[in-house]
Structure formats: C-alpha cells, structure tokens
Amino acid sequence: MTEEVDIRALHQFYRGLSDLIGVDAMLKIYHQYKGMQMTIPTHLYDRQLAAAKVVAEFDGHNQQKLARKYGYSQKWVQQVLHRQQV
C-alpha cells in the first residue's frame, strides 16, 4: 500500500500517527476511517469481558495483579468478585 506521501505536508494528526506507527499503517487508518469522528476508549479491555476473566482467573490472592492486567482499579476488581460471591 505504498503511496507517495509528503510527510512535511501531512495534517498534524496524521503526521503524529505516522511517526507513531509508520506511514503504511497510518494510510490504512486514513483510508478506513477518514471523515469519521472517533473516540478512543480509556480501557483496552471491555468491562463485561474483563469482569468474566477476573472471575475466572481469581485465585484468592491476585486482585492487584488482575487489576493491572486488565487496566481497572483494584476496587473495581473487588466489586466484580463481590458481585460474583467469589
């Protein structure tokens, strides 16, 4: 997907994206999403799916590790476990 791109003339957003992930990946994002408004979620993992994983992976002593792994607070992990009565 190599296109002739003048990096110096890119919009500031696309220049930053290009610096971060490279020109080819930036162009893929541009072609797929141009003109759309996007909101990037704060959390990488879906709340409900992460909650199910927390319940499945809890060993009785790893709340902090699970909080870090899934990017949620330890209090959130405790609440998930409490709701599931683990």
PDB file of N, CA and C in Angstrom:
ATOM      1  N   MET A   1       0.827  -1.177   0.000  1.00  0.00           N
ATOM      2  CA  MET A   1       0.000   0.000   0.000  1.00  0.00           C
ATOM      3  C   MET A   1       0.880   1.254   0.000  1.00  0.00           C
ATOM      4  N   THR A   2       2.015   1.143  -0.525  1.00  0.00           N
ATOM      5  CA  THR A   2       2.935   2.270  -0.533  1.00  0.00           C
ATOM      6  C   THR A   2       2.431   3.347  -1.475  1.00  0.00           C
ATOM      7  N   GLU A   3       2.160   4.506  -0.907  1.00  0.00           N
ATOM      8  CA  GLU A   3       1.770   5.684  -1.682  1.00  0.00           C
ATOM      9  C   GLU A   3       2.870   6.708  -1.495  1.00  0.00           C
ATOM     10  N   GLU A   4       3.003   7.578  -2.447  1.00  0.00           N
ATOM     11  CA  GLU A   4       3.959   8.676  -2.323  1.00  0.00           C
ATOM     12  C   GLU A   4       3.329   9.702  -1.385  1.00  0.00           C
ATOM     13  N   VAL A   5       3.894   9.839  -0.194  1.00  0.00           N
ATOM     14  CA  VAL A   5       3.345  10.722   0.825  1.00  0.00           C
ATOM     15  C   VAL A   5       4.393  11.755   1.199  1.00  0.00           C
ATOM     16  N   ASP A   6       4.019  13.021   1.126  1.00  0.00           N
ATOM     17  CA  ASP A   6       4.914  14.097   1.556  1.00  0.00           C
ATOM     18  C   ASP A   6       4.651  14.329   3.044  1.00  0.00           C
ATOM     19  N   ILE A   7       5.476  13.748   3.878  1.00  0.00           N
ATOM     20  CA  ILE A   7       5.311  13.810   5.326  1.00  0.00           C
ATOM     21  C   ILE A   7       5.211  15.260   5.812  1.00  0.00           C
ATOM     22  N   ARG A   8       5.971  16.151   5.195  1.00  0.00           N
ATOM     23  CA  ARG A   8       6.005  17.548   5.643  1.00  0.00           C
ATOM     24  C   ARG A   8       4.668  18.252   5.445  1.00  0.00           C
ATOM     25  N   ALA A   9       3.837  17.760   4.535  1.00  0.00           N
ATOM     26  CA  ALA A   9       2.557  18.413   4.247  1.00  0.00           C
ATOM     27  C   ALA A   9       1.377  17.746   4.957  1.00  0.00           C
ATOM     28  N   LEU A  10       1.633  16.706   5.707  1.00  0.00           N
ATOM     29  CA  LEU A  10       0.541  15.993   6.376  1.00  0.00           C
ATOM     30  C   LEU A  10      -0.120  16.858   7.444  1.00  0.00           C
ATOM     31  N   HIS A  11      -1.404  16.618   7.639  1.00  0.00           N
ATOM     32  CA  HIS A  11      -2.134  17.208   8.762  1.00  0.00           C
ATOM     33  C   HIS A  11      -1.414  16.773  10.036  1.00  0.00           C
ATOM     34  N   GLN A  12      -1.419  17.634  11.043  1.00  0.00           N
ATOM     35  CA  GLN A  12      -0.699  17.365  12.291  1.00  0.00           C
ATOM     36  C   GLN A  12      -1.082  16.017  12.896  1.00  0.00           C
ATOM     37  N   PHE A  13      -2.369  15.685  12.867  1.00  0.00           N
ATOM     38  CA  PHE A  13      -2.820  14.410  13.414  1.00  0.00           C
ATOM     39  C   PHE A  13      -2.176  13.242  12.677  1.00  0.00           C
ATOM     40  N   TYR A  14      -2.214  13.294  11.341  1.00  0.00           N
ATOM     41  CA  TYR A  14      -1.669  12.188  10.547  1.00  0.00           C
ATOM     42  C   TYR A  14      -0.143  12.137  10.628  1.00  0.00           C
ATOM     43  N   ARG A  15       0.491  13.279  10.780  1.00  0.00           N
ATOM     44  CA  ARG A  15       1.947  13.292  10.943  1.00  0.00           C
ATOM     45  C   ARG A  15       2.324  12.589  12.251  1.00  0.00           C
ATOM     46  N   GLY A  16       1.606  12.906  13.319  1.00  0.00           N
ATOM     47  CA  GLY A  16       1.861  12.256  14.608  1.00  0.00           C
ATOM     48  C   GLY A  16       1.600  10.761  14.548  1.00  0.00           C
ATOM     49  N   LEU A  17       0.515  10.389  13.888  1.00  0.00           N
ATOM     50  CA  LEU A  17       0.182   8.974  13.737  1.00  0.00           C
ATOM     51  C   LEU A  17       1.248   8.266  12.902  1.00  0.00           C
ATOM     52  N   SER A  18       1.702   8.915  11.860  1.00  0.00           N
ATOM     53  CA  SER A  18       2.748   8.359  11.011  1.00  0.00           C
ATOM     54  C   SER A  18       4.032   8.148  11.797  1.00  0.00           C
ATOM     55  N   ASP A  19       4.386   9.119  12.631  1.00  0.00           N
ATOM     56  CA  ASP A  19       5.581   8.978  13.479  1.00  0.00           C
ATOM     57  C   ASP A  19       5.440   7.817  14.450  1.00  0.00           C
ATOM     58  N   LEU A  20       4.230   7.620  14.931  1.00  0.00           N
ATOM     59  CA  LEU A  20       3.978   6.586  15.931  1.00  0.00           C
ATOM     60  C   LEU A  20       3.962   5.178  15.343  1.00  0.00           C
ATOM     61  N   ILE A  21       3.273   5.002  14.201  1.00  0.00           N
ATOM     62  CA  ILE A  21       3.064   3.635  13.694  1.00  0.00           C
ATOM     63  C   ILE A  21       3.589   3.407  12.286  1.00  0.00           C
ATOM     64  N   GLY A  22       4.092   4.443  11.647  1.00  0.00           N
ATOM     65  CA  GLY A  22       4.622   4.301  10.300  1.00  0.00           C
ATOM     66  C   GLY A  22       3.623   4.754   9.245  1.00  0.00           C
ATOM     67  N   VAL A  23       4.153   5.086   8.079  1.00  0.00           N
ATOM     68  CA  VAL A  23       3.335   5.648   7.002  1.00  0.00           C
ATOM     69  C   VAL A  23       2.303   4.645   6.490  1.00  0.00           C
ATOM     70  N   ASP A  24       2.704   3.402   6.250  1.00  0.00           N
ATOM     71  CA  ASP A  24       1.756   2.426   5.697  1.00  0.00           C
ATOM     72  C   ASP A  24       0.580   2.180   6.631  1.00  0.00           C
ATOM     73  N   ALA A  25       0.849   2.010   7.924  1.00  0.00           N
ATOM     74  CA  ALA A  25      -0.232   1.789   8.890  1.00  0.00           C
ATOM     75  C   ALA A  25      -1.109   3.036   9.009  1.00  0.00           C
ATOM     76  N   MET A  26      -0.484   4.216   8.974  1.00  0.00           N
ATOM     77  CA  MET A  26      -1.246   5.460   9.029  1.00  0.00           C
ATOM     78  C   MET A  26      -2.180   5.558   7.832  1.00  0.00           C
ATOM     79  N   LEU A  27      -1.708   5.189   6.654  1.00  0.00           N
ATOM     80  CA  LEU A  27      -2.545   5.242   5.456  1.00  0.00           C
ATOM     81  C   LEU A  27      -3.708   4.257   5.536  1.00  0.00           C
ATOM     82  N   LYS A  28      -3.488   3.097   6.132  1.00  0.00           N
ATOM     83  CA  LYS A  28      -4.582   2.132   6.311  1.00  0.00           C
ATOM     84  C   LYS A  28      -5.669   2.732   7.197  1.00  0.00           C
ATOM     85  N   ILE A  29      -5.268   3.367   8.281  1.00  0.00           N
ATOM     86  CA  ILE A  29      -6.232   4.002   9.178  1.00  0.00           C
ATOM     87  C   ILE A  29      -6.940   5.136   8.450  1.00  0.00           C
ATOM     88  N   TYR A  30      -6.177   5.929   7.716  1.00  0.00           N
ATOM     89  CA  TYR A  30      -6.763   7.046   6.962  1.00  0.00           C
ATOM     90  C   TYR A  30      -7.832   6.553   5.992  1.00  0.00           C
ATOM     91  N   HIS A  31      -7.501   5.539   5.195  1.00  0.00           N
ATOM     92  CA  HIS A  31      -8.447   5.049   4.193  1.00  0.00           C
ATOM     93  C   HIS A  31      -9.674   4.381   4.836  1.00  0.00           C
ATOM     94  N   GLN A  32      -9.479   3.742   5.952  1.00  0.00           N
ATOM     95  CA  GLN A  32     -10.589   3.052   6.617  1.00  0.00           C
ATOM     96  C   GLN A  32     -11.521   4.021   7.350  1.00  0.00           C
ATOM     97  N   TYR A  33     -10.957   5.062   7.982  1.00  0.00           N
ATOM     98  CA  TYR A  33     -11.744   5.891   8.892  1.00  0.00           C
ATOM     99  C   TYR A  33     -11.819   7.370   8.516  1.00  0.00           C
ATOM    100  N   LYS A  34     -11.307   7.784   7.382  1.00  0.00           N
ATOM    101  CA  LYS A  34     -11.300   9.216   7.046  1.00  0.00           C
ATOM    102  C   LYS A  34     -12.708   9.795   7.091  1.00  0.00           C
ATOM    103  N   GLY A  35     -12.797  10.982   7.661  1.00  0.00           N
ATOM    104  CA  GLY A  35     -14.063  11.672   7.780  1.00  0.00           C
ATOM    105  C   GLY A  35     -14.895  11.280   8.990  1.00  0.00           C
ATOM    106  N   MET A  36     -14.508  10.238   9.705  1.00  0.00           N
ATOM    107  CA  MET A  36     -15.272   9.785  10.867  1.00  0.00           C
ATOM    108  C   MET A  36     -14.718  10.416  12.137  1.00  0.00           C
ATOM    109  N   GLN A  37     -15.601  10.654  13.086  1.00  0.00           N
ATOM    110  CA  GLN A  37     -15.159  11.081  14.402  1.00  0.00           C
ATOM    111  C   GLN A  37     -14.996   9.830  15.243  1.00  0.00           C
ATOM    112  N   MET A  38     -13.852   9.730  15.896  1.00  0.00           N
ATOM    113  CA  MET A  38     -13.566   8.542  16.699  1.00  0.00           C
ATOM    114  C   MET A  38     -13.294   8.952  18.139  1.00  0.00           C
ATOM    115  N   THR A  39     -13.740   8.113  19.048  1.00  0.00           N
ATOM    116  CA  THR A  39     -13.402   8.257  20.448  1.00  0.00           C
ATOM    117  C   THR A  39     -12.639   7.002  20.832  1.00  0.00           C
ATOM    118  N   ILE A  40     -11.451   7.190  21.342  1.00  0.00           N
ATOM    119  CA  ILE A  40     -10.628   6.052  21.745  1.00  0.00           C
ATOM    120  C   ILE A  40     -10.972   5.715  23.192  1.00  0.00           C
ATOM    121  N   PRO A  41     -11.467   4.507  23.462  1.00  0.00           N
ATOM    122  CA  PRO A  41     -11.823   4.135  24.834  1.00  0.00           C
ATOM    123  C   PRO A  41     -10.611   4.206  25.765  1.00  0.00           C
ATOM    124  N   THR A  42     -10.873   4.573  26.997  1.00  0.00           N
ATOM    125  CA  THR A  42      -9.822   4.647  28.004  1.00  0.00           C
ATOM    126  C   THR A  42      -9.277   3.265  28.328  1.00  0.00           C
ATOM    127  N   HIS A  43     -10.164   2.293  28.371  1.00  0.00           N
ATOM    128  CA  HIS A  43      -9.751   0.935  28.723  1.00  0.00           C
ATOM    129  C   HIS A  43      -9.559   0.093  27.467  1.00  0.00           C
ATOM    130  N   LEU A  44      -8.510  -0.678  27.458  1.00  0.00           N
ATOM    131  CA  LEU A  44      -8.236  -1.586  26.347  1.00  0.00           C
ATOM    132  C   LEU A  44      -9.236  -2.735  26.330  1.00  0.00           C
ATOM    133  N   TYR A  45      -9.597  -3.207  27.522  1.00  0.00           N
ATOM    134  CA  TYR A  45     -10.465  -4.376  27.631  1.00  0.00           C
ATOM    135  C   TYR A  45     -11.913  -3.971  27.918  1.00  0.00           C
ATOM    136  N   ASP A  46     -12.850  -4.666  27.301  1.00  0.00           N
ATOM    137  CA  ASP A  46     -14.271  -4.482  27.532  1.00  0.00           C
ATOM    138  C   ASP A  46     -14.593  -4.815  28.989  1.00  0.00           C
ATOM    139  N   ARG A  47     -15.396  -3.978  29.615  1.00  0.00           N
ATOM    140  CA  ARG A  47     -15.694  -4.124  31.048  1.00  0.00           C
ATOM    141  C   ARG A  47     -16.330  -5.484  31.372  1.00  0.00           C
ATOM    142  N   GLN A  48     -17.324  -5.902  30.617  1.00  0.00           N
ATOM    143  CA  GLN A  48     -18.006  -7.166  30.909  1.00  0.00           C
ATOM    144  C   GLN A  48     -17.101  -8.371  30.644  1.00  0.00           C
ATOM    145  N   LEU A  49     -16.358  -8.323  29.551  1.00  0.00           N
ATOM    146  CA  LEU A  49     -15.468  -9.433  29.239  1.00  0.00           C
ATOM    147  C   LEU A  49     -14.322  -9.510  30.239  1.00  0.00           C
ATOM    148  N   ALA A  50     -13.798  -8.342  30.651  1.00  0.00           N
ATOM    149  CA  ALA A  50     -12.735  -8.319  31.654  1.00  0.00           C
ATOM    150  C   ALA A  50     -13.251  -8.841  32.989  1.00  0.00           C
ATOM    151  N   ALA A  51     -14.485  -8.507  33.332  1.00  0.00           N
ATOM    152  CA  ALA A  51     -15.065  -8.990  34.589  1.00  0.00           C
ATOM    153  C   ALA A  51     -15.139 -10.515  34.587  1.00  0.00           C
ATOM    154  N   ALA A  52     -15.549 -11.089  33.483  1.00  0.00           N
ATOM    155  CA  ALA A  52     -15.611 -12.552  33.386  1.00  0.00           C
ATOM    156  C   ALA A  52     -14.223 -13.163  33.519  1.00  0.00           C
ATOM    157  N   LYS A  53     -13.222 -12.526  32.914  1.00  0.00           N
ATOM    158  CA  LYS A  53     -11.852 -13.026  33.011  1.00  0.00           C
ATOM    159  C   LYS A  53     -11.336 -12.918  34.450  1.00  0.00           C
ATOM    160  N   VAL A  54     -11.669 -11.815  35.120  1.00  0.00           N
ATOM    161  CA  VAL A  54     -11.244 -11.628  36.517  1.00  0.00           C
ATOM    162  C   VAL A  54     -11.804 -12.747  37.384  1.00  0.00           C
ATOM    163  N   VAL A  55     -13.079 -13.027  37.213  1.00  0.00           N
ATOM    164  CA  VAL A  55     -13.711 -14.092  37.998  1.00  0.00           C
ATOM    165  C   VAL A  55     -13.042 -15.434  37.703  1.00  0.00           C
ATOM    166  N   ALA A  56     -12.775 -15.705  36.445  1.00  0.00           N
ATOM    167  CA  ALA A  56     -12.173 -16.988  36.057  1.00  0.00           C
ATOM    168  C   ALA A  56     -10.725 -17.119  36.537  1.00  0.00           C
ATOM    169  N   GLU A  57      -9.995 -16.003  36.590  1.00  0.00           N
ATOM    170  CA  GLU A  57      -8.570 -16.059  36.914  1.00  0.00           C
ATOM    171  C   GLU A  57      -8.254 -15.774  38.382  1.00  0.00           C
ATOM    172  N   PHE A  58      -9.262 -15.430  39.167  1.00  0.00           N
ATOM    173  CA  PHE A  58      -9.014 -15.106  40.568  1.00  0.00           C
ATOM    174  C   PHE A  58      -8.615 -16.361  41.328  1.00  0.00           C
ATOM    175  N   ASP A  59      -7.497 -16.262  42.058  1.00  0.00           N
ATOM    176  CA  ASP A  59      -7.010 -17.415  42.828  1.00  0.00           C
ATOM    177  C   ASP A  59      -7.093 -17.189  44.333  1.00  0.00           C
ATOM    178  N   GLY A  60      -7.748 -16.115  44.727  1.00  0.00           N
ATOM    179  CA  GLY A  60      -7.879 -15.808  46.149  1.00  0.00           C
ATOM    180  C   GLY A  60      -6.881 -14.783  46.642  1.00  0.00           C
ATOM    181  N   HIS A  61      -5.838 -14.516  45.851  1.00  0.00           N
ATOM    182  CA  HIS A  61      -4.773 -13.616  46.310  1.00  0.00           C
ATOM    183  C   HIS A  61      -4.240 -12.697  45.214  1.00  0.00           C
ATOM    184  N   ASN A  62      -4.862 -12.618  44.070  1.00  0.00           N
ATOM    185  CA  ASN A  62      -4.265 -11.882  42.949  1.00  0.00           C
ATOM    186  C   ASN A  62      -5.116 -10.719  42.439  1.00  0.00           C
ATOM    187  N   GLN A  63      -5.826 -10.043  43.333  1.00  0.00           N
ATOM    188  CA  GLN A  63      -6.664  -8.920  42.923  1.00  0.00           C
ATOM    189  C   GLN A  63      -5.841  -7.810  42.273  1.00  0.00           C
ATOM    190  N   GLN A  64      -4.739  -7.447  42.893  1.00  0.00           N
ATOM    191  CA  GLN A  64      -3.919  -6.354  42.365  1.00  0.00           C
ATOM    192  C   GLN A  64      -3.342  -6.716  40.995  1.00  0.00           C
ATOM    193  N   LYS A  65      -2.895  -7.943  40.845  1.00  0.00           N
ATOM    194  CA  LYS A  65      -2.341  -8.402  39.567  1.00  0.00           C
ATOM    195  C   LYS A  65      -3.401  -8.348  38.464  1.00  0.00           C
ATOM    196  N   LEU A  66      -4.621  -8.774  38.789  1.00  0.00           N
ATOM    197  CA  LEU A  66      -5.709  -8.747  37.800  1.00  0.00           C
ATOM    198  C   LEU A  66      -6.105  -7.313  37.447  1.00  0.00           C
ATOM    199  N   ALA A  67      -6.078  -6.428  38.437  1.00  0.00           N
ATOM    200  CA  ALA A  67      -6.387  -5.019  38.186  1.00  0.00           C
ATOM    201  C   ALA A  67      -5.383  -4.435  37.196  1.00  0.00           C
ATOM    202  N   ARG A  68      -4.106  -4.695  37.406  1.00  0.00           N
ATOM    203  CA  ARG A  68      -3.075  -4.194  36.488  1.00  0.00           C
ATOM    204  C   ARG A  68      -3.207  -4.838  35.111  1.00  0.00           C
ATOM    205  N   LYS A  69      -3.452  -6.125  35.081  1.00  0.00           N
ATOM    206  CA  LYS A  69      -3.526  -6.858  33.815  1.00  0.00           C
ATOM    207  C   LYS A  69      -4.640  -6.310  32.916  1.00  0.00           C
ATOM    208  N   TYR A  70      -5.797  -6.030  33.496  1.00  0.00           N
ATOM    209  CA  TYR A  70      -6.947  -5.605  32.693  1.00  0.00           C
ATOM    210  C   TYR A  70      -7.176  -4.097  32.704  1.00  0.00           C
ATOM    211  N   GLY A  71      -6.332  -3.347  33.426  1.00  0.00           N
ATOM    212  CA  GLY A  71      -6.383  -1.895  33.379  1.00  0.00           C
ATOM    213  C   GLY A  71      -7.522  -1.259  34.156  1.00  0.00           C
ATOM    214  N   TYR A  72      -8.017  -1.944  35.156  1.00  0.00           N
ATOM    215  CA  TYR A  72      -9.063  -1.403  36.014  1.00  0.00           C
ATOM    216  C   TYR A  72      -8.515  -1.285  37.434  1.00  0.00           C
ATOM    217  N   SER A  73      -9.243  -0.601  38.289  1.00  0.00           N
ATOM    218  CA  SER A  73      -8.774  -0.408  39.662  1.00  0.00           C
ATOM    219  C   SER A  73      -8.960  -1.689  40.480  1.00  0.00           C
ATOM    220  N   GLN A  74      -8.211  -1.756  41.567  1.00  0.00           N
ATOM    221  CA  GLN A  74      -8.349  -2.900  42.453  1.00  0.00           C
ATOM    222  C   GLN A  74      -9.743  -2.890  43.093  1.00  0.00           C
ATOM    223  N   LYS A  75     -10.275  -1.705  43.349  1.00  0.00           N
ATOM    224  CA  LYS A  75     -11.627  -1.602  43.907  1.00  0.00           C
ATOM    225  C   LYS A  75     -12.644  -2.186  42.927  1.00  0.00           C
ATOM    226  N   TRP A  76     -12.466  -1.910  41.620  1.00  0.00           N
ATOM    227  CA  TRP A  76     -13.375  -2.469  40.619  1.00  0.00           C
ATOM    228  C   TRP A  76     -13.302  -3.996  40.634  1.00  0.00           C
ATOM    229  N   VAL A  77     -12.080  -4.531  40.715  1.00  0.00           N
ATOM    230  CA  VAL A  77     -11.898  -5.991  40.782  1.00  0.00           C
ATOM    231  C   VAL A  77     -12.609  -6.541  42.009  1.00  0.00           C
ATOM    232  N   GLN A  78     -12.459  -5.879  43.152  1.00  0.00           N
ATOM    233  CA  GLN A  78     -13.138  -6.323  44.375  1.00  0.00           C
ATOM    234  C   GLN A  78     -14.650  -6.326  44.184  1.00  0.00           C
ATOM    235  N   GLN A  79     -15.185  -5.295  43.548  1.00  0.00           N
ATOM    236  CA  GLN A  79     -16.626  -5.219  43.308  1.00  0.00           C
ATOM    237  C   GLN A  79     -17.094  -6.342  42.395  1.00  0.00           C
ATOM    238  N   VAL A  80     -16.325  -6.626  41.372  1.00  0.00           N
ATOM    239  CA  VAL A  80     -16.669  -7.731  40.459  1.00  0.00           C
ATOM    240  C   VAL A  80     -16.707  -9.039  41.224  1.00  0.00           C
ATOM    241  N   LEU A  81     -15.698  -9.275  42.013  1.00  0.00           N
ATOM    242  CA  LEU A  81     -15.628 -10.529  42.775  1.00  0.00           C
ATOM    243  C   LEU A  81     -16.730 -10.610  43.813  1.00  0.00           C
ATOM    244  N   HIS A  82     -17.047  -9.477  44.438  1.00  0.00           N
ATOM    245  CA  HIS A  82     -18.116  -9.443  45.447  1.00  0.00           C
ATOM    246  C   HIS A  82     -19.464  -9.777  44.797  1.00  0.00           C
ATOM    247  N   ARG A  83     -19.712  -9.187  43.610  1.00  0.00           N
ATOM    248  CA  ARG A  83     -20.980  -9.473  42.907  1.00  0.00           C
ATOM    249  C   ARG A  83     -21.090 -10.953  42.533  1.00  0.00           C
ATOM    250  N   GLN A  84     -19.946 -11.554  42.266  1.00  0.00           N
ATOM    251  CA  GLN A  84     -19.952 -12.977  41.888  1.00  0.00           C
ATOM    252  C   GLN A  84     -19.833 -13.900  43.091  1.00  0.00           C
ATOM    253  N   GLN A  85     -19.670 -13.285  44.279  1.00  0.00           N
ATOM    254  CA  GLN A  85     -19.532 -14.064  45.518  1.00  0.00           C
ATOM    255  C   GLN A  85     -18.386 -15.053  45.457  1.00  0.00           C
ATOM    256  N   VAL A  86     -17.234 -14.596  44.909  1.00  0.00           N
ATOM    257  CA  VAL A  86     -16.044 -15.459  44.801  1.00  0.00           C
ATOM    258  C   VAL A  86     -15.309 -15.444  46.099  1.00  0.00           C
TER     259      VAL A  86
END
